[in-house]
Amino acid sequence: MSSGVAKPGLRERTRRAVHREIAEAGMELFLEQGFEETTIDQIAEAAGISRRSFFRYFATKEDVVLGGLIDRGHRVRSALIARPPEEAPWAAVRAALLALREEPGAGSETELRIGRMLFEAPSLRTRHLEKHLAWQEMLVPELSRRLRTTTNLDGPSADHRATAIIATALTCLDVATETWVHRDGDVPLEDLWDEAVTAVRA
């Protein structure tokens, strides 16, 4: 039985496969020799493509590391949409973010090494913050809709409150992730996030 969802064509599947291969080749080099020390030419050579072809798939070297972050934001949004409508805003946001911790590789040594790289490379850290603003744009409308549905807030008030909650939640995620990296992952990231949120809301 058909699911009703159109499958991507051969060209799109090929593009995704090449994109994934470049990203995997780049990440392997970054983790082996460092982000700053790795060049685009090295990534292209490792992936078996030209430098020109690299730029058909990635605008910058930073996007090799952070390109998947937007997709993760969409997954958080989907998880937030799926939460029970009567659930409190903070509980719904927490559950949506925790959905990422159930994915393969969460909490692994590789994730820890990638986290270190994010905080050690200034250009990566800057782009990472830009990507989180994109998450905010994805998540605020959904949380605002939930607030309007479950409270008497009007549109502007719901938007204001939703923006404050999402911005704070993502800032706490950044703080928790940095602490998690500095502590070599000895405390679960979700516990550190909870501690950060408790400190802000106390």
C-alpha atoms as a PDB file:
ATOM      1  CA  MET A   1       0.000   0.000   0.000  1.00  0.00           C
ATOM      2  CA  SER A   2       1.337   3.424  -0.912  1.00  0.00           C
ATOM      3  CA  SER A   3       1.999   5.850   1.953  1.00  0.00           C
ATOM      4  CA  GLY A   4       0.980   8.765  -0.236  1.00  0.00           C
ATOM      5  CA  VAL A   5       4.387  10.399   0.248  1.00  0.00           C
ATOM      6  CA  ALA A   6       6.313  10.843  -2.980  1.00  0.00           C
ATOM      7  CA  LYS A   7       9.760   9.284  -2.925  1.00  0.00           C
ATOM      8  CA  PRO A   8      12.661  11.473  -4.044  1.00  0.00           C
ATOM      9  CA  GLY A   9      13.806  10.904  -7.598  1.00  0.00           C
ATOM     10  CA  LEU A  10      17.083   9.327  -8.618  1.00  0.00           C
ATOM     11  CA  ARG A  11      18.818  12.679  -9.006  1.00  0.00           C
ATOM     12  CA  GLU A  12      17.808  13.791  -5.517  1.00  0.00           C
ATOM     13  CA  ARG A  13      18.805  10.449  -3.982  1.00  0.00           C
ATOM     14  CA  THR A  14      22.176  10.685  -5.702  1.00  0.00           C
ATOM     15  CA  ARG A  15      22.655  14.224  -4.451  1.00  0.00           C
ATOM     16  CA  ARG A  16      21.845  13.202  -0.889  1.00  0.00           C
ATOM     17  CA  ALA A  17      24.262  10.277  -1.094  1.00  0.00           C
ATOM     18  CA  VAL A  18      27.102  12.494  -2.342  1.00  0.00           C
ATOM     19  CA  HIS A  19      26.278  15.114   0.308  1.00  0.00           C
ATOM     20  CA  ARG A  20      26.484  12.436   3.011  1.00  0.00           C
ATOM     21  CA  GLU A  21      29.779  11.077   1.651  1.00  0.00           C
ATOM     22  CA  ILE A  22      31.373  14.541   1.655  1.00  0.00           C
ATOM     23  CA  ALA A  23      30.147  15.198   5.188  1.00  0.00           C
ATOM     24  CA  GLU A  24      31.490  11.857   6.420  1.00  0.00           C
ATOM     25  CA  ALA A  25      34.864  12.443   4.749  1.00  0.00           C
ATOM     26  CA  GLY A  26      35.057  15.927   6.242  1.00  0.00           C
ATOM     27  CA  MET A  27      34.104  14.849   9.754  1.00  0.00           C
ATOM     28  CA  GLU A  28      36.688  12.084   9.673  1.00  0.00           C
ATOM     29  CA  LEU A  29      39.390  14.602   8.780  1.00  0.00           C
ATOM     30  CA  PHE A  30      38.183  17.144  11.345  1.00  0.00           C
ATOM     31  CA  LEU A  31      38.273  14.592  14.153  1.00  0.00           C
ATOM     32  CA  GLU A  32      41.633  13.249  13.023  1.00  0.00           C
ATOM     33  CA  GLN A  33      43.579  16.453  12.471  1.00  0.00           C
ATOM     34  CA  GLY A  34      41.417  19.333  13.767  1.00  0.00           C
ATOM     35  CA  PHE A  35      38.904  21.688  12.200  1.00  0.00           C
ATOM     36  CA  GLU A  36      41.201  24.645  11.579  1.00  0.00           C
ATOM     37  CA  GLU A  37      43.938  22.377  10.226  1.00  0.00           C
ATOM     38  CA  THR A  38      41.672  20.732   7.653  1.00  0.00           C
ATOM     39  CA  THR A  39      41.241  22.418   4.274  1.00  0.00           C
ATOM     40  CA  ILE A  40      38.421  22.242   1.766  1.00  0.00           C
ATOM     41  CA  ASP A  41      40.877  20.788  -0.754  1.00  0.00           C
ATOM     42  CA  GLN A  42      41.647  17.947   1.657  1.00  0.00           C
ATOM     43  CA  ILE A  43      37.953  17.232   2.152  1.00  0.00           C
ATOM     44  CA  ALA A  44      37.336  17.248  -1.595  1.00  0.00           C
ATOM     45  CA  GLU A  45      40.259  14.893  -2.193  1.00  0.00           C
ATOM     46  CA  ALA A  46      39.116  12.505   0.539  1.00  0.00           C
ATOM     47  CA  ALA A  47      35.598  12.487  -0.941  1.00  0.00           C
ATOM     48  CA  GLY A  48      36.895  11.942  -4.472  1.00  0.00           C
ATOM     49  CA  ILE A  49      35.494  15.187  -5.874  1.00  0.00           C
ATOM     50  CA  SER A  50      36.842  18.510  -7.103  1.00  0.00           C
ATOM     51  CA  ARG A  51      36.972  21.681  -5.030  1.00  0.00           C
ATOM     52  CA  ARG A  52      34.348  23.147  -7.362  1.00  0.00           C
ATOM     53  CA  SER A  53      32.061  20.177  -6.742  1.00  0.00           C
ATOM     54  CA  PHE A  54      32.448  20.657  -2.985  1.00  0.00           C
ATOM     55  CA  PHE A  55      30.790  24.068  -3.253  1.00  0.00           C
ATOM     56  CA  ARG A  56      27.803  22.568  -5.042  1.00  0.00           C
ATOM     57  CA  TYR A  57      26.954  20.806  -1.780  1.00  0.00           C
ATOM     58  CA  PHE A  58      28.360  23.035   0.970  1.00  0.00           C
ATOM     59  CA  ALA A  59      28.702  26.808   1.056  1.00  0.00           C
ATOM     60  CA  THR A  60      31.447  26.721   3.699  1.00  0.00           C
ATOM     61  CA  LYS A  61      33.662  24.310   5.588  1.00  0.00           C
ATOM     62  CA  GLU A  62      31.601  25.053   8.701  1.00  0.00           C
ATOM     63  CA  ASP A  63      28.482  23.707   6.994  1.00  0.00           C
ATOM     64  CA  VAL A  64      30.090  20.262   6.804  1.00  0.00           C
ATOM     65  CA  VAL A  65      29.874  20.163  10.605  1.00  0.00           C
ATOM     66  CA  LEU A  66      26.669  22.118  11.110  1.00  0.00           C
ATOM     67  CA  GLY A  67      24.678  21.289   8.000  1.00  0.00           C
ATOM     68  CA  GLY A  68      22.652  18.648   9.835  1.00  0.00           C
ATOM     69  CA  LEU A  69      21.640  21.044  12.594  1.00  0.00           C
ATOM     70  CA  ILE A  70      18.720  22.464  10.626  1.00  0.00           C
ATOM     71  CA  ASP A  71      17.394  18.955  10.056  1.00  0.00           C
ATOM     72  CA  ARG A  72      17.656  18.329  13.789  1.00  0.00           C
ATOM     73  CA  GLY A  73      15.657  21.503  14.393  1.00  0.00           C
ATOM     74  CA  HIS A  74      12.897  20.180  12.141  1.00  0.00           C
ATOM     75  CA  ARG A  75      12.892  16.947  14.143  1.00  0.00           C
ATOM     76  CA  VAL A  76      12.548  18.900  17.399  1.00  0.00           C
ATOM     77  CA  ARG A  77       9.635  20.822  15.878  1.00  0.00           C
ATOM     78  CA  SER A  78       7.956  17.570  14.823  1.00  0.00           C
ATOM     79  CA  ALA A  79       8.441  16.197  18.340  1.00  0.00           C
ATOM     80  CA  LEU A  80       6.935  19.378  19.812  1.00  0.00           C
ATOM     81  CA  ILE A  81       3.904  19.128  17.524  1.00  0.00           C
ATOM     82  CA  ALA A  82       3.411  15.530  18.677  1.00  0.00           C
ATOM     83  CA  ARG A  83       3.289  16.412  22.379  1.00  0.00           C
ATOM     84  CA  PRO A  84      -0.120  16.262  24.142  1.00  0.00           C
ATOM     85  CA  PRO A  85      -1.926  19.592  23.694  1.00  0.00           C
ATOM     86  CA  GLU A  86      -2.595  19.960  27.428  1.00  0.00           C
ATOM     87  CA  GLU A  87       1.076  19.506  28.375  1.00  0.00           C
ATOM     88  CA  ALA A  88       2.723  22.482  30.093  1.00  0.00           C
ATOM     89  CA  PRO A  89       4.977  24.554  27.769  1.00  0.00           C
ATOM     90  CA  TRP A  90       8.277  23.784  29.514  1.00  0.00           C
ATOM     91  CA  ALA A  91       7.464  20.082  29.755  1.00  0.00           C
ATOM     92  CA  ALA A  92       6.610  19.956  26.054  1.00  0.00           C
ATOM     93  CA  VAL A  93       9.808  21.752  25.054  1.00  0.00           C
ATOM     94  CA  ARG A  94      11.903  19.473  27.277  1.00  0.00           C
ATOM     95  CA  ALA A  95      10.348  16.346  25.782  1.00  0.00           C
ATOM     96  CA  ALA A  96      10.865  17.652  22.239  1.00  0.00           C
ATOM     97  CA  LEU A  97      14.545  18.350  22.865  1.00  0.00           C
ATOM     98  CA  LEU A  98      15.002  14.986  24.573  1.00  0.00           C
ATOM     99  CA  ALA A  99      13.826  13.287  21.391  1.00  0.00           C
ATOM    100  CA  LEU A 100      17.279  14.070  19.979  1.00  0.00           C
ATOM    101  CA  ARG A 101      18.921  12.107  22.806  1.00  0.00           C
ATOM    102  CA  GLU A 102      17.183   8.970  21.554  1.00  0.00           C
ATOM    103  CA  GLU A 103      18.913   9.157  18.176  1.00  0.00           C
ATOM    104  CA  PRO A 104      21.907   6.943  17.307  1.00  0.00           C
ATOM    105  CA  GLY A 105      25.205   8.385  18.521  1.00  0.00           C
ATOM    106  CA  ALA A 106      23.715  10.583  21.246  1.00  0.00           C
ATOM    107  CA  GLY A 107      26.077  10.694  24.215  1.00  0.00           C
ATOM    108  CA  SER A 108      28.824   8.880  22.332  1.00  0.00           C
ATOM    109  CA  GLU A 109      32.536   9.687  22.345  1.00  0.00           C
ATOM    110  CA  THR A 110      32.196  10.942  18.775  1.00  0.00           C
ATOM    111  CA  GLU A 111      29.474  13.394  19.818  1.00  0.00           C
ATOM    112  CA  LEU A 112      31.706  14.560  22.646  1.00  0.00           C
ATOM    113  CA  ARG A 113      34.608  15.151  20.253  1.00  0.00           C
ATOM    114  CA  ILE A 114      32.347  17.074  17.891  1.00  0.00           C
ATOM    115  CA  GLY A 115      31.160  19.163  20.850  1.00  0.00           C
ATOM    116  CA  ARG A 116      34.743  20.024  21.742  1.00  0.00           C
ATOM    117  CA  MET A 117      35.365  21.074  18.169  1.00  0.00           C
ATOM    118  CA  LEU A 118      32.318  23.355  18.192  1.00  0.00           C
ATOM    119  CA  PHE A 119      33.530  25.244  21.236  1.00  0.00           C
ATOM    120  CA  GLU A 120      37.210  25.389  20.222  1.00  0.00           C
ATOM    121  CA  ALA A 121      36.750  26.799  16.700  1.00  0.00           C
ATOM    122  CA  PRO A 122      35.462  30.427  16.778  1.00  0.00           C
ATOM    123  CA  SER A 123      33.963  30.245  13.277  1.00  0.00           C
ATOM    124  CA  LEU A 124      32.049  27.103  14.193  1.00  0.00           C
ATOM    125  CA  ARG A 125      30.735  28.621  17.396  1.00  0.00           C
ATOM    126  CA  THR A 126      29.467  31.683  15.523  1.00  0.00           C
ATOM    127  CA  ARG A 127      27.715  29.609  12.880  1.00  0.00           C
ATOM    128  CA  HIS A 128      26.307  27.318  15.579  1.00  0.00           C
ATOM    129  CA  LEU A 129      24.588  30.290  17.206  1.00  0.00           C
ATOM    130  CA  GLU A 130      23.162  31.296  13.823  1.00  0.00           C
ATOM    131  CA  LYS A 131      21.711  27.830  13.392  1.00  0.00           C
ATOM    132  CA  HIS A 132      20.077  28.023  16.821  1.00  0.00           C
ATOM    133  CA  LEU A 133      18.336  31.231  15.767  1.00  0.00           C
ATOM    134  CA  ALA A 134      16.919  29.187  12.909  1.00  0.00           C
ATOM    135  CA  TRP A 135      15.664  26.655  15.483  1.00  0.00           C
ATOM    136  CA  GLN A 136      13.984  29.508  17.333  1.00  0.00           C
ATOM    137  CA  GLU A 137      12.164  30.563  14.175  1.00  0.00           C
ATOM    138  CA  MET A 138      10.924  26.983  13.720  1.00  0.00           C
ATOM    139  CA  LEU A 139       9.823  26.364  17.304  1.00  0.00           C
ATOM    140  CA  VAL A 140       8.296  29.665  18.436  1.00  0.00           C
ATOM    141  CA  PRO A 141       5.223  29.547  16.139  1.00  0.00           C
ATOM    142  CA  GLU A 142       4.330  26.041  17.316  1.00  0.00           C
ATOM    143  CA  LEU A 143       4.728  26.891  21.007  1.00  0.00           C
ATOM    144  CA  SER A 144       2.782  30.129  20.492  1.00  0.00           C
ATOM    145  CA  ARG A 145      -0.037  28.144  18.883  1.00  0.00           C
ATOM    146  CA  ARG A 146      -0.098  25.789  21.874  1.00  0.00           C
ATOM    147  CA  LEU A 147      -0.237  28.731  24.278  1.00  0.00           C
ATOM    148  CA  ARG A 148      -3.123  30.348  22.409  1.00  0.00           C
ATOM    149  CA  THR A 149      -4.992  27.041  22.458  1.00  0.00           C
ATOM    150  CA  THR A 150      -4.548  26.321  26.182  1.00  0.00           C
ATOM    151  CA  THR A 151      -4.646  29.855  27.652  1.00  0.00           C
ATOM    152  CA  ASN A 152      -6.467  33.131  27.145  1.00  0.00           C
ATOM    153  CA  LEU A 153      -3.383  34.805  25.699  1.00  0.00           C
ATOM    154  CA  ASP A 154      -3.842  36.818  22.529  1.00  0.00           C
ATOM    155  CA  GLY A 155      -1.488  36.397  19.567  1.00  0.00           C
ATOM    156  CA  PRO A 156       1.158  38.995  20.487  1.00  0.00           C
ATOM    157  CA  SER A 157       1.271  37.889  24.126  1.00  0.00           C
ATOM    158  CA  ALA A 158       1.556  34.226  23.159  1.00  0.00           C
ATOM    159  CA  ASP A 159       4.330  35.036  20.674  1.00  0.00           C
ATOM    160  CA  HIS A 160       6.201  37.014  23.326  1.00  0.00           C
ATOM    161  CA  ARG A 161       5.957  34.248  25.909  1.00  0.00           C
ATOM    162  CA  ALA A 162       6.810  31.512  23.406  1.00  0.00           C
ATOM    163  CA  THR A 163       9.881  33.428  22.211  1.00  0.00           C
ATOM    164  CA  ALA A 164      11.085  33.873  25.800  1.00  0.00           C
ATOM    165  CA  ILE A 165      10.666  30.164  26.567  1.00  0.00           C
ATOM    166  CA  ILE A 166      12.325  28.899  23.389  1.00  0.00           C
ATOM    167  CA  ALA A 167      15.215  31.380  23.553  1.00  0.00           C
ATOM    168  CA  THR A 168      15.855  30.450  27.187  1.00  0.00           C
ATOM    169  CA  ALA A 169      15.578  26.716  26.481  1.00  0.00           C
ATOM    170  CA  LEU A 170      18.123  26.932  23.644  1.00  0.00           C
ATOM    171  CA  THR A 171      20.500  29.084  25.699  1.00  0.00           C
ATOM    172  CA  CYS A 172      20.289  26.520  28.498  1.00  0.00           C
ATOM    173  CA  LEU A 173      21.027  23.822  25.908  1.00  0.00           C
ATOM    174  CA  ASP A 174      24.181  25.669  24.820  1.00  0.00           C
ATOM    175  CA  VAL A 175      25.293  26.140  28.437  1.00  0.00           C
ATOM    176  CA  ALA A 176      24.573  22.489  29.263  1.00  0.00           C
ATOM    177  CA  THR A 177      26.421  21.287  26.174  1.00  0.00           C
ATOM    178  CA  GLU A 178      29.498  23.350  27.009  1.00  0.00           C
ATOM    179  CA  THR A 179      29.522  22.011  30.562  1.00  0.00           C
ATOM    180  CA  TRP A 180      29.013  18.474  29.243  1.00  0.00           C
ATOM    181  CA  VAL A 181      32.038  18.890  26.986  1.00  0.00           C
ATOM    182  CA  HIS A 182      34.223  20.373  29.730  1.00  0.00           C
ATOM    183  CA  ARG A 183      33.266  17.500  32.041  1.00  0.00           C
ATOM    184  CA  ASP A 184      34.039  14.905  29.361  1.00  0.00           C
ATOM    185  CA  GLY A 185      30.461  13.674  29.338  1.00  0.00           C
ATOM    186  CA  ASP A 186      30.517  12.365  32.912  1.00  0.00           C
ATOM    187  CA  VAL A 187      27.019  13.797  33.545  1.00  0.00           C
ATOM    188  CA  PRO A 188      24.134  13.205  31.094  1.00  0.00           C
ATOM    189  CA  LEU A 189      23.439  16.253  28.935  1.00  0.00           C
ATOM    190  CA  GLU A 190      19.737  16.180  29.800  1.00  0.00           C
ATOM    191  CA  ASP A 191      20.564  16.430  33.532  1.00  0.00           C
ATOM    192  CA  LEU A 192      22.759  19.462  32.889  1.00  0.00           C
ATOM    193  CA  TRP A 193      19.969  21.055  30.847  1.00  0.00           C
ATOM    194  CA  ASP A 194      17.534  20.488  33.706  1.00  0.00           C
ATOM    195  CA  GLU A 195      19.982  22.121  36.139  1.00  0.00           C
ATOM    196  CA  ALA A 196      20.412  25.124  33.861  1.00  0.00           C
ATOM    197  CA  VAL A 197      16.661  25.573  33.437  1.00  0.00           C
ATOM    198  CA  THR A 198      16.080  25.240  37.177  1.00  0.00           C
ATOM    199  CA  ALA A 199      18.689  27.957  37.829  1.00  0.00           C
ATOM    200  CA  VAL A 200      16.974  30.319  35.384  1.00  0.00           C
ATOM    201  CA  ARG A 201      13.448  29.642  36.616  1.00  0.00           C
ATOM    202  CA  ALA A 202      14.269  29.693  40.350  1.00  0.00           C
END
